[in-house]
Amino acid sequence: MSVNSTGEQNRIAGQDFHENSVQIDHFDGRHTVNIAIPSEKEERRPLVKAQRKELNALVAAIAEAGESEAFAIWQKVHAEVGVTSIEDMTVNQYQTALSFLQAMLDRCKEKDASKALVSLLLRNSEDNDTRQKLIRYCHINFGTGRFNDLTRNQLQLALSWLDQQSQETPHISTTSIPKRLSITELLRTYPKEIGFIFVVGFVVGAIIF
C-alpha cells in the first residue's frame, strides 16, 4: 500500500501508523514522500516444513532423555509462545520456541552428566573411611554432602579431589604367608619328590653305615 503526499501544508487524516514500520522510497525537492505500510499477513505466516521438523526433533530428543512425555513438552512450548497448538505458531514465534526447547535439552544433558559423575563418586569411594572424607570435603567446599544436590562443576571438583587422594595414599600390597602343611598333606601334595628324597637318603645311609 502506498500513500502519496505533496506539498508542505498537506496532511492526510485518519491514517494511523508507526514511524518505525514505514519506509521512505523517495524524497526530492518537490517534497513528495511515498510511505509503504507492511501488511499484517506477513507477520502471521505459519511455520514452514523445515521449522516444524526441527521443533519436532528437539521435542523427541527431550522425551528420549526422560524429561517427560512429548505431549507435555509441547504444552510447555505452547504456553511459552502463547499459542494453543503448533498450527497457530508463526514464523516470528519460531525462534522463541526453538530457544526454549534447546534450553530444555541442555538441562537434560546436564542432568545425565551429573548422574554419571555421582555414580563414579560412589563407585570410587566404596570404602567407608574414603566416603566419609569425601562427604566432609563436599560439606566444607560446597555446603552439602548430598551428591545429588551438587552441580556438575562441583561434582567434577569432588571427583578430581578423590582421584588425587587415591594417588597420594600409598598402596600396601600384602603377601600371603603360605600355610604350613602336615606330613599327610605333604605326602599327598608331593609324593614323587618325597619318594625321591627317601630313596636318596636310604642310599646315602647305606653307604655311610
N, C-alpha and C. Protein backbone atom coordinates (compact mmCIF):
# COMPACT_ATOMS: atom_id res chain seq x y z
N MET A 1 0.85 -1.19 0.00
CA MET A 1 0.00 0.00 0.00
C MET A 1 0.88 1.23 0.00
N SER A 2 0.54 2.25 -0.85
CA SER A 2 1.35 3.45 -1.00
C SER A 2 0.48 4.67 -0.82
N VAL A 3 0.99 5.65 -0.06
CA VAL A 3 0.26 6.90 0.17
C VAL A 3 1.15 8.03 -0.29
N ASN A 4 0.69 8.86 -1.21
CA ASN A 4 1.45 9.99 -1.73
C ASN A 4 0.96 11.29 -1.10
N SER A 5 1.88 12.10 -0.63
CA SER A 5 1.53 13.39 -0.04
C SER A 5 2.43 14.44 -0.67
N THR A 6 1.81 15.47 -1.28
CA THR A 6 2.57 16.51 -1.97
C THR A 6 2.28 17.85 -1.33
N GLY A 7 3.31 18.65 -1.13
CA GLY A 7 3.12 19.98 -0.57
C GLY A 7 3.54 20.05 0.86
N GLU A 8 3.89 21.23 1.28
CA GLU A 8 4.39 21.41 2.63
C GLU A 8 3.27 21.41 3.65
N GLN A 9 2.04 21.88 3.26
CA GLN A 9 0.97 22.05 4.22
C GLN A 9 -0.03 20.90 4.20
N ASN A 10 0.12 19.98 3.24
CA ASN A 10 -0.86 18.91 3.13
C ASN A 10 -0.61 17.84 4.17
N ARG A 11 -1.70 17.33 4.78
CA ARG A 11 -1.63 16.23 5.75
C ARG A 11 -2.79 15.29 5.46
N ILE A 12 -2.57 14.03 5.64
CA ILE A 12 -3.61 13.03 5.38
C ILE A 12 -4.16 12.58 6.72
N ALA A 13 -5.45 12.79 6.91
CA ALA A 13 -6.09 12.47 8.19
C ALA A 13 -6.58 11.04 8.17
N GLY A 14 -6.80 10.49 9.40
CA GLY A 14 -7.37 9.16 9.53
C GLY A 14 -6.42 8.02 9.23
N GLN A 15 -5.14 8.28 9.02
CA GLN A 15 -4.17 7.24 8.73
C GLN A 15 -3.21 7.11 9.92
N ASP A 16 -3.44 6.13 10.77
CA ASP A 16 -2.57 5.92 11.93
C ASP A 16 -1.47 4.94 11.54
N PHE A 17 -0.27 5.29 11.82
CA PHE A 17 0.84 4.39 11.54
C PHE A 17 1.98 4.69 12.50
N HIS A 18 2.91 3.68 12.62
CA HIS A 18 4.06 3.82 13.50
C HIS A 18 5.26 4.21 12.66
N GLU A 19 6.04 5.12 13.18
CA GLU A 19 7.18 5.63 12.42
C GLU A 19 8.20 4.54 12.12
N ASN A 20 8.32 3.58 13.03
CA ASN A 20 9.35 2.57 12.83
C ASN A 20 8.93 1.47 11.87
N SER A 21 7.69 1.51 11.33
CA SER A 21 7.23 0.48 10.42
C SER A 21 6.97 1.03 9.02
N VAL A 22 7.48 2.22 8.72
CA VAL A 22 7.28 2.81 7.41
C VAL A 22 8.60 2.89 6.69
N GLN A 23 8.52 2.95 5.37
CA GLN A 23 9.71 3.07 4.54
C GLN A 23 9.55 4.25 3.61
N ILE A 24 10.53 5.10 3.51
CA ILE A 24 10.52 6.24 2.62
C ILE A 24 11.23 5.84 1.34
N ASP A 25 10.43 5.70 0.26
CA ASP A 25 11.00 5.24 -1.00
C ASP A 25 11.66 6.38 -1.78
N HIS A 26 11.10 7.61 -1.64
CA HIS A 26 11.61 8.69 -2.47
C HIS A 26 11.36 10.03 -1.77
N PHE A 27 12.35 10.88 -1.79
CA PHE A 27 12.19 12.22 -1.24
C PHE A 27 13.07 13.15 -2.04
N ASP A 28 12.43 14.11 -2.77
CA ASP A 28 13.21 15.01 -3.59
C ASP A 28 12.80 16.45 -3.30
N GLY A 29 13.21 17.33 -4.18
CA GLY A 29 12.95 18.75 -3.97
C GLY A 29 11.49 19.14 -4.03
N ARG A 30 10.65 18.28 -4.61
CA ARG A 30 9.22 18.61 -4.68
C ARG A 30 8.48 18.16 -3.45
N HIS A 31 9.23 17.62 -2.43
CA HIS A 31 8.65 17.18 -1.16
C HIS A 31 7.60 16.10 -1.38
N THR A 32 7.90 15.14 -2.25
CA THR A 32 6.99 14.01 -2.49
C THR A 32 7.50 12.82 -1.70
N VAL A 33 6.67 12.24 -0.84
CA VAL A 33 7.05 11.13 0.04
C VAL A 33 6.15 9.95 -0.24
N ASN A 34 6.74 8.77 -0.49
CA ASN A 34 5.99 7.53 -0.66
C ASN A 34 6.14 6.69 0.60
N ILE A 35 5.07 6.37 1.25
CA ILE A 35 5.07 5.63 2.51
C ILE A 35 4.49 4.26 2.27
N ALA A 36 5.28 3.20 2.62
CA ALA A 36 4.82 1.82 2.46
C ALA A 36 4.55 1.22 3.82
N ILE A 37 3.30 0.82 4.09
CA ILE A 37 2.91 0.23 5.36
C ILE A 37 2.87 -1.28 5.20
N PRO A 38 3.68 -2.05 5.99
CA PRO A 38 3.72 -3.51 5.83
C PRO A 38 2.39 -4.15 6.15
N SER A 39 2.08 -5.20 5.44
CA SER A 39 0.83 -5.92 5.68
C SER A 39 0.95 -6.83 6.89
N GLU A 40 -0.14 -6.95 7.66
CA GLU A 40 -0.13 -7.79 8.86
C GLU A 40 -0.06 -9.27 8.49
N LYS A 41 -0.46 -9.61 7.25
CA LYS A 41 -0.44 -11.00 6.84
C LYS A 41 0.99 -11.56 6.82
N GLU A 42 1.96 -10.71 6.55
CA GLU A 42 3.35 -11.15 6.51
C GLU A 42 3.82 -11.61 7.88
N GLU A 43 3.31 -11.01 8.94
CA GLU A 43 3.71 -11.36 10.30
C GLU A 43 2.99 -12.60 10.82
N ARG A 44 1.93 -13.04 10.15
CA ARG A 44 1.15 -14.18 10.61
C ARG A 44 1.40 -15.42 9.76
N ARG A 45 2.52 -15.46 9.04
CA ARG A 45 2.81 -16.62 8.22
C ARG A 45 3.05 -17.84 9.10
N PRO A 46 2.46 -19.00 8.79
CA PRO A 46 2.66 -20.21 9.60
C PRO A 46 4.07 -20.76 9.42
N LEU A 47 4.43 -21.67 10.29
CA LEU A 47 5.76 -22.28 10.21
C LEU A 47 5.91 -23.05 8.90
N VAL A 48 7.12 -23.02 8.37
CA VAL A 48 7.40 -23.82 7.19
C VAL A 48 7.74 -25.25 7.62
N LYS A 49 7.81 -26.15 6.66
CA LYS A 49 8.03 -27.56 6.96
C LYS A 49 9.33 -27.81 7.71
N ALA A 50 10.39 -27.14 7.29
CA ALA A 50 11.70 -27.35 7.94
C ALA A 50 11.68 -26.90 9.40
N GLN A 51 10.97 -25.83 9.69
CA GLN A 51 10.89 -25.34 11.07
C GLN A 51 10.10 -26.31 11.95
N ARG A 52 8.99 -26.81 11.43
CA ARG A 52 8.20 -27.79 12.18
C ARG A 52 9.02 -29.06 12.44
N LYS A 53 9.80 -29.48 11.45
CA LYS A 53 10.63 -30.67 11.59
C LYS A 53 11.69 -30.47 12.68
N GLU A 54 12.30 -29.30 12.72
CA GLU A 54 13.32 -29.01 13.72
C GLU A 54 12.74 -29.01 15.13
N LEU A 55 11.57 -28.42 15.30
CA LEU A 55 10.92 -28.39 16.62
C LEU A 55 10.52 -29.79 17.06
N ASN A 56 9.99 -30.59 16.15
CA ASN A 56 9.59 -31.96 16.49
C ASN A 56 10.80 -32.80 16.87
N ALA A 57 11.93 -32.60 16.20
CA ALA A 57 13.15 -33.35 16.52
C ALA A 57 13.64 -33.02 17.93
N LEU A 58 13.57 -31.75 18.30
CA LEU A 58 14.00 -31.35 19.64
C LEU A 58 13.08 -31.93 20.71
N VAL A 59 11.79 -31.91 20.45
CA VAL A 59 10.82 -32.48 21.40
C VAL A 59 11.09 -33.98 21.57
N ALA A 60 11.35 -34.68 20.48
CA ALA A 60 11.63 -36.12 20.55
C ALA A 60 12.91 -36.40 21.34
N ALA A 61 13.93 -35.56 21.16
CA ALA A 61 15.20 -35.75 21.88
C ALA A 61 15.01 -35.52 23.38
N ILE A 62 14.21 -34.54 23.74
CA ILE A 62 13.96 -34.25 25.16
C ILE A 62 13.17 -35.39 25.79
N ALA A 63 12.16 -35.89 25.07
CA ALA A 63 11.36 -37.00 25.58
C ALA A 63 12.20 -38.26 25.74
N GLU A 64 13.12 -38.51 24.81
CA GLU A 64 14.01 -39.68 24.88
C GLU A 64 14.95 -39.57 26.07
N ALA A 65 15.33 -38.35 26.41
CA ALA A 65 16.21 -38.15 27.56
C ALA A 65 15.49 -38.38 28.88
N GLY A 66 14.17 -38.57 28.81
CA GLY A 66 13.42 -38.89 30.02
C GLY A 66 12.88 -37.71 30.77
N GLU A 67 12.87 -36.52 30.15
CA GLU A 67 12.37 -35.34 30.84
C GLU A 67 10.88 -35.48 31.11
N SER A 68 10.10 -35.82 30.08
CA SER A 68 8.66 -36.04 30.20
C SER A 68 8.14 -36.51 28.86
N GLU A 69 6.83 -36.76 28.78
CA GLU A 69 6.24 -37.19 27.53
C GLU A 69 6.22 -36.05 26.52
N ALA A 70 6.17 -36.42 25.24
CA ALA A 70 6.22 -35.43 24.17
C ALA A 70 5.07 -34.43 24.26
N PHE A 71 3.84 -34.93 24.57
CA PHE A 71 2.70 -34.02 24.61
C PHE A 71 2.84 -33.00 25.73
N ALA A 72 3.46 -33.42 26.85
CA ALA A 72 3.67 -32.49 27.96
C ALA A 72 4.70 -31.42 27.60
N ILE A 73 5.71 -31.84 26.83
CA ILE A 73 6.72 -30.87 26.38
C ILE A 73 6.08 -29.85 25.43
N TRP A 74 5.24 -30.33 24.53
CA TRP A 74 4.56 -29.42 23.61
C TRP A 74 3.67 -28.43 24.36
N GLN A 75 3.04 -28.88 25.43
CA GLN A 75 2.21 -27.98 26.23
C GLN A 75 3.03 -26.84 26.82
N LYS A 76 4.24 -27.17 27.26
CA LYS A 76 5.13 -26.14 27.81
C LYS A 76 5.54 -25.15 26.71
N VAL A 77 5.82 -25.68 25.51
CA VAL A 77 6.21 -24.81 24.40
C VAL A 77 5.06 -23.88 24.03
N HIS A 78 3.85 -24.42 23.93
CA HIS A 78 2.69 -23.60 23.59
C HIS A 78 2.45 -22.50 24.61
N ALA A 79 2.64 -22.85 25.90
CA ALA A 79 2.46 -21.85 26.95
C ALA A 79 3.53 -20.76 26.87
N GLU A 80 4.75 -21.17 26.53
CA GLU A 80 5.85 -20.21 26.43
C GLU A 80 5.63 -19.25 25.26
N VAL A 81 5.16 -19.78 24.14
CA VAL A 81 4.98 -18.96 22.94
C VAL A 81 3.67 -18.18 22.98
N GLY A 82 2.65 -18.77 23.64
CA GLY A 82 1.35 -18.10 23.71
C GLY A 82 0.38 -18.56 22.65
N VAL A 83 0.44 -19.86 22.29
CA VAL A 83 -0.49 -20.42 21.32
C VAL A 83 -1.12 -21.67 21.92
N THR A 84 -2.14 -22.19 21.24
CA THR A 84 -2.80 -23.40 21.71
C THR A 84 -2.31 -24.65 21.00
N SER A 85 -1.69 -24.49 19.84
CA SER A 85 -1.15 -25.63 19.09
C SER A 85 -0.09 -25.13 18.14
N ILE A 86 0.66 -26.08 17.57
CA ILE A 86 1.71 -25.72 16.63
C ILE A 86 1.13 -25.12 15.35
N GLU A 87 -0.14 -25.44 15.06
CA GLU A 87 -0.78 -24.90 13.88
C GLU A 87 -0.94 -23.39 13.98
N ASP A 88 -1.02 -22.87 15.20
CA ASP A 88 -1.19 -21.43 15.40
C ASP A 88 0.13 -20.69 15.48
N MET A 89 1.23 -21.43 15.50
CA MET A 89 2.54 -20.81 15.65
C MET A 89 2.98 -20.17 14.33
N THR A 90 3.57 -18.99 14.42
CA THR A 90 4.01 -18.28 13.22
C THR A 90 5.53 -18.29 13.12
N VAL A 91 6.03 -17.83 11.98
CA VAL A 91 7.48 -17.80 11.77
C VAL A 91 8.16 -16.84 12.75
N ASN A 92 7.45 -15.82 13.18
CA ASN A 92 8.02 -14.87 14.13
C ASN A 92 8.17 -15.49 15.52
N GLN A 93 7.41 -16.54 15.81
CA GLN A 93 7.46 -17.20 17.12
C GLN A 93 8.38 -18.41 17.11
N TYR A 94 8.90 -18.75 15.94
CA TYR A 94 9.74 -19.94 15.80
C TYR A 94 10.99 -19.86 16.66
N GLN A 95 11.70 -18.74 16.63
CA GLN A 95 12.96 -18.61 17.36
C GLN A 95 12.74 -18.73 18.87
N THR A 96 11.61 -18.21 19.37
CA THR A 96 11.30 -18.33 20.80
C THR A 96 11.11 -19.79 21.18
N ALA A 97 10.34 -20.51 20.36
CA ALA A 97 10.10 -21.94 20.63
C ALA A 97 11.39 -22.74 20.52
N LEU A 98 12.21 -22.41 19.53
CA LEU A 98 13.48 -23.13 19.33
C LEU A 98 14.42 -22.94 20.53
N SER A 99 14.56 -21.71 20.99
CA SER A 99 15.44 -21.42 22.12
C SER A 99 14.93 -22.10 23.39
N PHE A 100 13.62 -22.13 23.58
CA PHE A 100 13.02 -22.76 24.76
C PHE A 100 13.32 -24.26 24.77
N LEU A 101 13.17 -24.92 23.63
CA LEU A 101 13.42 -26.36 23.54
C LEU A 101 14.90 -26.68 23.68
N GLN A 102 15.75 -25.88 23.10
CA GLN A 102 17.20 -26.10 23.22
C GLN A 102 17.65 -25.98 24.67
N ALA A 103 17.06 -25.03 25.40
CA ALA A 103 17.39 -24.88 26.82
C ALA A 103 16.95 -26.11 27.61
N MET A 104 15.77 -26.65 27.28
CA MET A 104 15.30 -27.86 27.95
C MET A 104 16.23 -29.03 27.67
N LEU A 105 16.68 -29.17 26.43
CA LEU A 105 17.57 -30.27 26.06
C LEU A 105 18.92 -30.13 26.77
N ASP A 106 19.42 -28.92 26.89
CA ASP A 106 20.68 -28.68 27.60
C ASP A 106 20.56 -29.09 29.06
N ARG A 107 19.42 -28.80 29.67
CA ARG A 107 19.20 -29.19 31.08
C ARG A 107 19.17 -30.71 31.22
N CYS A 108 18.58 -31.39 30.25
CA CYS A 108 18.55 -32.85 30.28
C CYS A 108 19.95 -33.43 30.20
N LYS A 109 20.77 -32.89 29.30
CA LYS A 109 22.14 -33.35 29.17
C LYS A 109 22.93 -33.08 30.44
N GLU A 110 22.66 -31.95 31.07
CA GLU A 110 23.34 -31.61 32.31
C GLU A 110 23.00 -32.61 33.41
N LYS A 111 21.72 -33.01 33.47
CA LYS A 111 21.29 -33.99 34.48
C LYS A 111 21.96 -35.34 34.24
N ASP A 112 22.02 -35.75 32.98
CA ASP A 112 22.64 -37.04 32.66
C ASP A 112 24.13 -37.04 33.04
N ALA A 113 24.80 -35.94 32.74
CA ALA A 113 26.22 -35.85 33.09
C ALA A 113 26.42 -35.88 34.60
N SER A 114 25.54 -35.22 35.33
CA SER A 114 25.65 -35.20 36.79
C SER A 114 25.40 -36.59 37.38
N LYS A 115 24.45 -37.32 36.82
CA LYS A 115 24.18 -38.67 37.30
C LYS A 115 25.40 -39.57 37.10
N ALA A 116 26.05 -39.42 35.97
CA ALA A 116 27.24 -40.23 35.69
C ALA A 116 28.36 -39.91 36.67
N LEU A 117 28.51 -38.64 37.01
CA LEU A 117 29.56 -38.23 37.96
C LEU A 117 29.25 -38.74 39.36
N VAL A 118 27.99 -38.70 39.76
CA VAL A 118 27.60 -39.23 41.08
C VAL A 118 27.90 -40.72 41.15
N SER A 119 27.60 -41.43 40.07
CA SER A 119 27.88 -42.87 40.02
C SER A 119 29.38 -43.15 40.18
N LEU A 120 30.21 -42.34 39.54
CA LEU A 120 31.66 -42.51 39.67
C LEU A 120 32.13 -42.24 41.10
N LEU A 121 31.59 -41.22 41.72
CA LEU A 121 31.97 -40.89 43.10
C LEU A 121 31.62 -42.04 44.04
N LEU A 122 30.44 -42.60 43.88
CA LEU A 122 30.02 -43.70 44.75
C LEU A 122 30.87 -44.95 44.52
N ARG A 123 31.18 -45.21 43.26
CA ARG A 123 31.97 -46.40 42.92
C ARG A 123 33.40 -46.30 43.43
N ASN A 124 33.96 -45.08 43.39
CA ASN A 124 35.35 -44.89 43.80
C ASN A 124 35.53 -44.59 45.28
N SER A 125 34.43 -44.58 46.01
CA SER A 125 34.53 -44.32 47.45
C SER A 125 33.72 -45.36 48.23
N GLU A 126 33.86 -46.62 47.81
CA GLU A 126 33.12 -47.70 48.49
C GLU A 126 33.63 -47.93 49.90
N ASP A 127 34.92 -47.66 50.12
CA ASP A 127 35.48 -47.78 51.47
C ASP A 127 34.84 -46.72 52.37
N ASN A 128 34.41 -47.12 53.55
CA ASN A 128 33.70 -46.21 54.45
C ASN A 128 34.54 -45.00 54.84
N ASP A 129 35.81 -45.22 55.12
CA ASP A 129 36.69 -44.11 55.52
C ASP A 129 36.84 -43.10 54.37
N THR A 130 37.01 -43.61 53.15
CA THR A 130 37.13 -42.73 51.98
C THR A 130 35.84 -41.97 51.74
N ARG A 131 34.70 -42.65 51.92
CA ARG A 131 33.40 -41.99 51.71
C ARG A 131 33.18 -40.86 52.70
N GLN A 132 33.56 -41.07 53.94
CA GLN A 132 33.39 -40.03 54.96
C GLN A 132 34.28 -38.83 54.67
N LYS A 133 35.50 -39.09 54.20
CA LYS A 133 36.39 -37.98 53.85
C LYS A 133 35.83 -37.19 52.67
N LEU A 134 35.25 -37.90 51.71
CA LEU A 134 34.67 -37.24 50.54
C LEU A 134 33.47 -36.39 50.94
N ILE A 135 32.62 -36.92 51.80
CA ILE A 135 31.45 -36.16 52.26
C ILE A 135 31.90 -34.92 53.02
N ARG A 136 32.93 -35.06 53.84
CA ARG A 136 33.45 -33.91 54.59
C ARG A 136 33.99 -32.86 53.64
N TYR A 137 34.70 -33.29 52.60
CA TYR A 137 35.23 -32.36 51.60
C TYR A 137 34.09 -31.57 50.95
N CYS A 138 33.02 -32.27 50.59
CA CYS A 138 31.88 -31.61 49.95
C CYS A 138 31.19 -30.64 50.90
N HIS A 139 31.08 -31.02 52.17
CA HIS A 139 30.46 -30.13 53.16
C HIS A 139 31.27 -28.84 53.28
N ILE A 140 32.58 -28.98 53.36
CA ILE A 140 33.44 -27.80 53.57
C ILE A 140 33.43 -26.89 52.34
N ASN A 141 33.48 -27.46 51.16
CA ASN A 141 33.63 -26.66 49.94
C ASN A 141 32.32 -26.27 49.28
N PHE A 142 31.28 -27.10 49.43
CA PHE A 142 30.03 -26.83 48.72
C PHE A 142 28.83 -26.66 49.63
N GLY A 143 29.01 -26.87 50.94
CA GLY A 143 27.92 -26.65 51.88
C GLY A 143 26.95 -27.80 52.03
N THR A 144 27.20 -28.91 51.36
CA THR A 144 26.34 -30.09 51.49
C THR A 144 27.13 -31.34 51.14
N GLY A 145 26.75 -32.43 51.77
CA GLY A 145 27.39 -33.71 51.48
C GLY A 145 26.53 -34.60 50.61
N ARG A 146 25.39 -34.09 50.18
CA ARG A 146 24.49 -34.85 49.30
C ARG A 146 24.95 -34.66 47.85
N PHE A 147 25.41 -35.73 47.25
CA PHE A 147 25.96 -35.65 45.90
C PHE A 147 24.92 -35.19 44.88
N ASN A 148 23.67 -35.60 45.06
CA ASN A 148 22.62 -35.24 44.10
C ASN A 148 22.29 -33.75 44.12
N ASP A 149 22.70 -33.06 45.18
CA ASP A 149 22.42 -31.63 45.27
C ASP A 149 23.55 -30.78 44.69
N LEU A 150 24.63 -31.42 44.29
CA LEU A 150 25.78 -30.69 43.76
C LEU A 150 25.61 -30.42 42.27
N THR A 151 26.21 -29.33 41.80
CA THR A 151 26.19 -29.02 40.38
C THR A 151 27.20 -29.90 39.65
N ARG A 152 27.14 -29.86 38.34
CA ARG A 152 28.07 -30.66 37.55
C ARG A 152 29.51 -30.24 37.82
N ASN A 153 29.76 -28.94 37.91
CA ASN A 153 31.11 -28.45 38.16
C ASN A 153 31.60 -28.89 39.54
N GLN A 154 30.73 -28.85 40.54
CA GLN A 154 31.11 -29.28 41.89
C GLN A 154 31.41 -30.77 41.94
N LEU A 155 30.62 -31.55 41.22
CA LEU A 155 30.87 -32.99 41.16
C LEU A 155 32.21 -33.30 40.50
N GLN A 156 32.54 -32.54 39.47
CA GLN A 156 33.84 -32.73 38.82
C GLN A 156 34.99 -32.40 39.75
N LEU A 157 34.83 -31.34 40.55
CA LEU A 157 35.86 -30.98 41.52
C LEU A 157 36.00 -32.06 42.59
N ALA A 158 34.87 -32.60 43.04
CA ALA A 158 34.90 -33.66 44.05
C ALA A 158 35.57 -34.91 43.50
N LEU A 159 35.29 -35.26 42.25
CA LEU A 159 35.90 -36.44 41.64
C LEU A 159 37.41 -36.23 41.46
N SER A 160 37.79 -35.02 41.10
CA SER A 160 39.22 -34.71 40.95
C SER A 160 39.93 -34.83 42.29
N TRP A 161 39.29 -34.33 43.36
CA TRP A 161 39.88 -34.43 44.71
C TRP A 161 40.01 -35.89 45.11
N LEU A 162 38.98 -36.69 44.84
CA LEU A 162 39.01 -38.10 45.21
C LEU A 162 40.11 -38.84 44.46
N ASP A 163 40.29 -38.52 43.20
CA ASP A 163 41.34 -39.15 42.41
C ASP A 163 42.72 -38.78 42.94
N GLN A 164 42.87 -37.52 43.34
CA GLN A 164 44.15 -37.07 43.91
C GLN A 164 44.44 -37.78 45.23
N GLN A 165 43.40 -37.98 46.04
CA GLN A 165 43.59 -38.67 47.32
C GLN A 165 44.03 -40.11 47.10
N SER A 166 43.47 -40.78 46.11
CA SER A 166 43.83 -42.17 45.86
C SER A 166 45.27 -42.30 45.37
N GLN A 167 45.76 -41.28 44.68
CA GLN A 167 47.14 -41.31 44.20
C GLN A 167 48.13 -41.03 45.32
N GLU A 168 47.73 -40.19 46.27
CA GLU A 168 48.62 -39.84 47.37
C GLU A 168 48.70 -40.94 48.41
N THR A 169 47.65 -41.76 48.53
CA THR A 169 47.62 -42.82 49.53
C THR A 169 48.47 -43.99 49.05
N PRO A 170 49.52 -44.37 49.79
CA PRO A 170 50.38 -45.49 49.35
C PRO A 170 49.61 -46.79 49.34
N HIS A 171 49.84 -47.56 48.33
CA HIS A 171 49.17 -48.86 48.21
C HIS A 171 50.05 -49.94 48.83
N ILE A 172 49.55 -50.57 49.88
CA ILE A 172 50.29 -51.60 50.60
C ILE A 172 49.85 -52.96 50.08
N SER A 173 50.79 -53.65 49.48
CA SER A 173 50.47 -54.99 48.98
C SER A 173 50.84 -56.01 50.04
N THR A 174 49.92 -56.86 50.36
CA THR A 174 50.15 -57.89 51.39
C THR A 174 50.41 -59.22 50.70
N THR A 175 51.52 -59.85 51.07
CA THR A 175 51.85 -61.16 50.51
C THR A 175 51.36 -62.23 51.47
N SER A 176 50.57 -63.10 50.97
CA SER A 176 50.00 -64.13 51.82
C SER A 176 51.09 -65.11 52.26
N ILE A 177 51.07 -65.45 53.55
CA ILE A 177 52.05 -66.39 54.12
C ILE A 177 51.56 -67.80 53.85
N PRO A 178 52.42 -68.60 53.23
CA PRO A 178 51.96 -69.96 52.91
C PRO A 178 51.64 -70.75 54.18
N LYS A 179 50.62 -71.53 54.08
CA LYS A 179 50.18 -72.34 55.22
C LYS A 179 51.11 -73.54 55.40
N ARG A 180 51.46 -73.84 56.67
CA ARG A 180 52.33 -74.99 56.96
C ARG A 180 51.52 -76.27 56.82
N LEU A 181 52.02 -77.16 55.98
CA LEU A 181 51.30 -78.39 55.71
C LEU A 181 51.73 -79.48 56.68
N SER A 182 50.81 -80.39 56.96
CA SER A 182 51.13 -81.55 57.81
C SER A 182 51.84 -82.61 56.98
N ILE A 183 52.36 -83.66 57.65
CA ILE A 183 53.09 -84.72 56.94
C ILE A 183 52.17 -85.43 55.95
N THR A 184 50.94 -85.64 56.35
CA THR A 184 49.99 -86.32 55.46
C THR A 184 49.72 -85.48 54.22
N GLU A 185 49.53 -84.17 54.43
CA GLU A 185 49.26 -83.28 53.29
C GLU A 185 50.48 -83.17 52.38
N LEU A 186 51.69 -83.20 52.98
CA LEU A 186 52.90 -83.17 52.18
C LEU A 186 53.01 -84.40 51.29
N LEU A 187 52.70 -85.59 51.88
CA LEU A 187 52.75 -86.83 51.10
C LEU A 187 51.75 -86.82 49.95
N ARG A 188 50.56 -86.24 50.21
CA ARG A 188 49.54 -86.18 49.16
C ARG A 188 49.90 -85.15 48.08
N THR A 189 50.57 -84.08 48.52
CA THR A 189 50.85 -82.99 47.58
C THR A 189 52.10 -83.28 46.76
N TYR A 190 53.14 -83.79 47.42
CA TYR A 190 54.41 -84.01 46.72
C TYR A 190 54.86 -85.47 46.89
N PRO A 191 54.14 -86.44 46.39
CA PRO A 191 54.52 -87.86 46.60
C PRO A 191 55.83 -88.24 45.89
N LYS A 192 56.01 -87.80 44.67
CA LYS A 192 57.22 -88.16 43.93
C LYS A 192 58.46 -87.55 44.55
N GLU A 193 58.34 -86.26 44.90
CA GLU A 193 59.50 -85.58 45.47
C GLU A 193 59.92 -86.22 46.78
N ILE A 194 58.94 -86.54 47.61
CA ILE A 194 59.25 -87.14 48.91
C ILE A 194 59.82 -88.56 48.73
N GLY A 195 59.28 -89.30 47.76
CA GLY A 195 59.79 -90.65 47.48
C GLY A 195 61.23 -90.60 47.03
N PHE A 196 61.55 -89.61 46.18
CA PHE A 196 62.92 -89.48 45.69
C PHE A 196 63.88 -89.15 46.84
N ILE A 197 63.45 -88.22 47.71
CA ILE A 197 64.29 -87.85 48.85
C ILE A 197 64.51 -89.05 49.77
N PHE A 198 63.48 -89.87 49.95
CA PHE A 198 63.60 -91.05 50.83
C PHE A 198 64.60 -92.04 50.27
N VAL A 199 64.52 -92.27 48.94
CA VAL A 199 65.44 -93.22 48.31
C VAL A 199 66.88 -92.72 48.42
N VAL A 200 67.10 -91.42 48.13
CA VAL A 200 68.45 -90.86 48.22
C VAL A 200 68.98 -90.97 49.65
N GLY A 201 68.14 -90.69 50.59
CA GLY A 201 68.57 -90.78 51.98
C GLY A 201 68.91 -92.20 52.38
N PHE A 202 68.10 -93.16 51.86
CA PHE A 202 68.37 -94.56 52.17
C PHE A 202 69.72 -94.99 51.58
N VAL A 203 70.01 -94.60 50.33
CA VAL A 203 71.27 -94.97 49.69
C VAL A 203 72.44 -94.33 50.39
N VAL A 204 72.34 -93.08 50.75
CA VAL A 204 73.42 -92.36 51.44
C VAL A 204 73.65 -93.00 52.80
N GLY A 205 72.59 -93.37 53.47
CA GLY A 205 72.73 -94.01 54.79
C GLY A 205 73.40 -95.37 54.69
N ALA A 206 73.07 -96.11 53.62
CA ALA A 206 73.69 -97.45 53.45
C ALA A 206 75.15 -97.32 53.19
N ILE A 207 75.54 -96.30 52.40
CA ILE A 207 76.95 -96.10 52.09
C ILE A 207 77.74 -95.72 53.35
N ILE A 208 77.12 -94.83 54.12
CA ILE A 208 77.83 -94.38 55.31
C ILE A 208 77.97 -95.49 56.35
N PHE A 209 76.90 -96.23 56.50
CA PHE A 209 76.95 -97.24 57.57
C PHE A 209 77.30 -98.60 56.99
